[in-house]
Amino acid sequence: MERPNGRKIVLRFNNGKQAIGNETGLLSGVLGLLGSDFGKFPICEESSRKITTKDKVYNECVKQIFHFDEDSEGTIKKNILKSMQKSWKETRLRLYKAFYEPTFTTEQNIDHRPPEIDREHWRWFLDYRAKVETKEKCKKNAKNRSKQLYTHTGSSKSFAQRMKESEEAA
């Protein structure tokens, strides 16, 4: 990823260690792109917690694009990694829905994989999705999501950004 004019983008954070300012949207977009890059975050892991390349992506990508002071507790880094992991998880689900066809054989589904995904990685992912434990977890999560009473309607702005804007307007 190229930095604009070769310079790093300066990020600011509030007291809650949440990114604020106009650059927040750019940070969110970059983290989404990184989290959905299966060259950086392999699809063939059961959980984002098991991905061993997280720190490398953080240091070689995020820290090369953005300039910010890290906090001593590591909260900023933790939040950035969490955002990339969420993107990874959502992209896996989106690709599964788009490319998996239940009427196909395993080999047909492997041939029908996303073009950027390695054949053996996609095979591993389909085998993982076919496990009884995985199917039970998916059903449980769907049931829990159906219990949500309210949907998020705050657009793409973070709560931290909304708070900052409301403070500035007052």
Protein backbone atom coordinates (compact mmCIF):
# COMPACT_ATOMS: atom_id res chain seq x y z
CA MET A 1 0.00 0.00 0.00
CA GLU A 2 1.36 3.36 -1.00
CA ARG A 3 1.33 6.32 1.35
CA PRO A 4 0.10 9.61 -0.08
CA ASN A 5 3.14 11.69 -1.08
CA GLY A 6 5.32 9.15 0.73
CA ARG A 7 4.28 10.62 4.08
CA LYS A 8 2.66 8.90 7.00
CA ILE A 9 -0.88 9.84 7.98
CA VAL A 10 -1.07 11.25 11.50
CA LEU A 11 -3.74 9.68 13.71
CA ARG A 12 -5.18 11.26 16.83
CA PHE A 13 -6.87 9.42 19.67
CA ASN A 14 -9.21 10.49 22.45
CA ASN A 15 -8.79 9.64 26.14
CA GLY A 16 -10.53 6.31 25.50
CA LYS A 17 -7.78 5.41 22.98
CA GLN A 18 -10.26 5.62 20.08
CA ALA A 19 -9.21 7.19 16.79
CA ILE A 20 -10.76 10.60 16.11
CA GLY A 21 -10.57 13.09 13.27
CA ASN A 22 -10.97 12.94 9.52
CA GLU A 23 -8.28 10.27 9.21
CA THR A 24 -10.43 7.77 11.11
CA GLY A 25 -12.32 6.76 7.97
CA LEU A 26 -9.07 6.18 6.13
CA LEU A 27 -7.76 4.04 9.00
CA SER A 28 -10.96 2.00 8.96
CA GLY A 29 -10.71 1.45 5.22
CA VAL A 30 -7.07 0.39 5.38
CA LEU A 31 -7.76 -2.02 8.26
CA GLY A 32 -10.65 -3.49 6.29
CA LEU A 33 -8.43 -4.03 3.26
CA LEU A 34 -5.67 -5.60 5.34
CA GLY A 35 -8.07 -7.89 7.21
CA SER A 36 -9.56 -9.15 3.97
CA ASP A 37 -6.16 -9.82 2.37
CA PHE A 38 -5.74 -13.59 2.65
CA GLY A 39 -2.08 -13.24 1.73
CA LYS A 40 -1.64 -11.44 5.06
CA PHE A 41 -4.36 -13.18 7.10
CA PRO A 42 -4.71 -16.77 5.84
CA ILE A 43 -8.23 -18.10 5.34
CA CYS A 44 -7.16 -21.49 6.67
CA GLU A 45 -7.34 -20.76 10.40
CA GLU A 46 -10.20 -21.68 12.72
CA SER A 47 -10.02 -18.43 14.64
CA SER A 48 -8.48 -15.01 14.12
CA ARG A 49 -6.77 -15.46 17.48
CA LYS A 50 -4.63 -18.22 15.93
CA ILE A 51 -3.30 -16.06 13.09
CA THR A 52 0.43 -15.67 13.61
CA THR A 53 0.96 -12.85 11.08
CA LYS A 54 -1.03 -10.18 12.98
CA ASP A 55 1.96 -8.44 14.54
CA LYS A 56 3.87 -8.50 11.25
CA VAL A 57 0.93 -6.85 9.42
CA TYR A 58 0.60 -4.30 12.22
CA ASN A 59 4.30 -3.38 12.12
CA GLU A 60 4.92 -3.60 8.38
CA CYS A 61 1.65 -2.14 7.12
CA VAL A 62 -0.25 -0.12 9.72
CA LYS A 63 2.82 1.47 11.30
CA GLN A 64 4.26 2.22 7.85
CA ILE A 65 1.15 4.08 6.71
CA PHE A 66 0.07 5.80 9.92
CA HIS A 67 1.94 7.77 12.55
CA PHE A 68 0.65 7.68 16.11
CA ASP A 69 1.95 7.36 19.63
CA GLU A 70 1.20 3.97 21.09
CA ASP A 71 -0.18 3.82 24.59
CA SER A 72 1.67 1.93 27.33
CA GLU A 73 -1.26 -0.47 27.86
CA GLY A 74 -1.33 -1.50 24.19
CA THR A 75 -5.01 -0.57 23.84
CA ILE A 76 -4.58 1.18 20.49
CA LYS A 77 -2.76 -1.80 18.98
CA LYS A 78 -5.35 -4.18 20.42
CA ASN A 79 -8.20 -2.17 18.87
CA ILE A 80 -6.46 -2.00 15.50
CA LEU A 81 -5.85 -5.75 15.49
CA LYS A 82 -9.45 -6.36 16.54
CA SER A 83 -10.68 -4.32 13.59
CA MET A 84 -8.55 -6.30 11.12
CA GLN A 85 -9.69 -9.57 12.68
CA LYS A 86 -13.34 -8.52 12.33
CA SER A 87 -12.76 -7.76 8.65
CA TRP A 88 -11.08 -11.16 8.20
CA LYS A 89 -14.04 -12.93 9.76
CA GLU A 90 -16.65 -10.98 7.76
CA THR A 91 -14.77 -11.52 4.49
CA ARG A 92 -14.60 -15.28 5.08
CA LEU A 93 -18.35 -15.37 5.61
CA ARG A 94 -19.03 -13.22 2.54
CA LEU A 95 -16.80 -15.41 0.34
CA TYR A 96 -18.41 -18.58 1.65
CA LYS A 97 -21.88 -17.27 0.85
CA ALA A 98 -20.79 -16.08 -2.59
CA PHE A 99 -18.71 -19.09 -3.72
CA TYR A 100 -19.98 -22.16 -1.86
CA GLU A 101 -22.72 -24.04 -3.67
CA PRO A 102 -24.39 -26.79 -1.56
CA THR A 103 -25.38 -28.80 -4.66
CA PHE A 104 -21.76 -29.01 -5.88
CA THR A 105 -19.33 -31.75 -4.96
CA THR A 106 -16.31 -30.82 -2.87
CA GLU A 107 -14.11 -30.75 -5.98
CA GLN A 108 -16.59 -28.56 -7.86
CA ASN A 109 -16.68 -26.14 -4.92
CA ILE A 110 -12.90 -26.06 -4.83
CA ASP A 111 -12.81 -25.27 -8.54
CA HIS A 112 -15.44 -22.57 -7.92
CA ARG A 113 -13.26 -20.83 -5.30
CA PRO A 114 -12.45 -17.11 -5.27
CA PRO A 115 -9.58 -16.47 -7.71
CA GLU A 116 -7.29 -14.95 -5.06
CA ILE A 117 -7.57 -17.95 -2.70
CA ASP A 118 -5.12 -20.83 -2.89
CA ARG A 119 -6.78 -24.14 -3.81
CA GLU A 120 -5.57 -26.00 -0.70
CA HIS A 121 -6.49 -23.10 1.58
CA TRP A 122 -10.02 -23.08 0.16
CA ARG A 123 -10.22 -26.89 0.60
CA TRP A 124 -9.18 -26.48 4.24
CA PHE A 125 -11.80 -23.74 4.73
CA LEU A 126 -14.59 -25.85 3.18
CA ASP A 127 -13.60 -28.81 5.37
CA TYR A 128 -13.68 -26.52 8.42
CA ARG A 129 -17.14 -25.20 7.46
CA ALA A 130 -18.38 -28.80 7.03
CA LYS A 131 -17.40 -29.85 10.58
CA VAL A 132 -20.27 -30.58 12.94
CA GLU A 133 -18.78 -28.27 15.60
CA THR A 134 -18.57 -25.39 13.13
CA LYS A 135 -22.15 -25.88 11.97
CA GLU A 136 -23.37 -25.94 15.59
CA LYS A 137 -21.45 -22.75 16.35
CA CYS A 138 -22.97 -21.05 13.27
CA LYS A 139 -26.50 -22.05 14.34
CA LYS A 140 -25.90 -20.79 17.86
CA ASN A 141 -24.56 -17.46 16.58
CA ALA A 142 -27.49 -17.04 14.19
CA LYS A 143 -29.91 -17.71 17.05
CA ASN A 144 -28.16 -15.12 19.22
CA ARG A 145 -28.19 -12.53 16.42
CA SER A 146 -31.93 -13.05 15.97
CA LYS A 147 -32.43 -11.92 19.59
CA GLN A 148 -30.99 -8.46 18.91
CA LEU A 149 -33.70 -5.88 19.38
CA TYR A 150 -31.96 -2.88 17.86
CA THR A 151 -29.92 -2.38 14.74
CA HIS A 152 -27.02 0.02 14.39
CA THR A 153 -28.12 3.17 12.53
CA GLY A 154 -25.21 5.50 13.24
CA SER A 155 -23.61 5.34 9.79
CA SER A 156 -19.93 4.56 9.47
CA LYS A 157 -18.78 7.12 12.03
CA SER A 158 -17.49 5.75 15.30
CA PHE A 159 -19.02 6.75 18.60
CA ALA A 160 -15.73 8.46 19.46
CA GLN A 161 -15.96 10.62 16.32
CA ARG A 162 -19.61 11.48 17.01
CA MET A 163 -18.76 12.49 20.60
CA LYS A 164 -15.89 14.68 19.38
CA GLU A 165 -18.14 16.40 16.83
CA SER A 166 -20.92 16.99 19.37
CA GLU A 167 -18.37 18.50 21.82
CA GLU A 168 -17.04 20.81 19.11
CA ALA A 169 -20.56 21.92 18.16
CA ALA A 170 -21.46 22.77 21.76
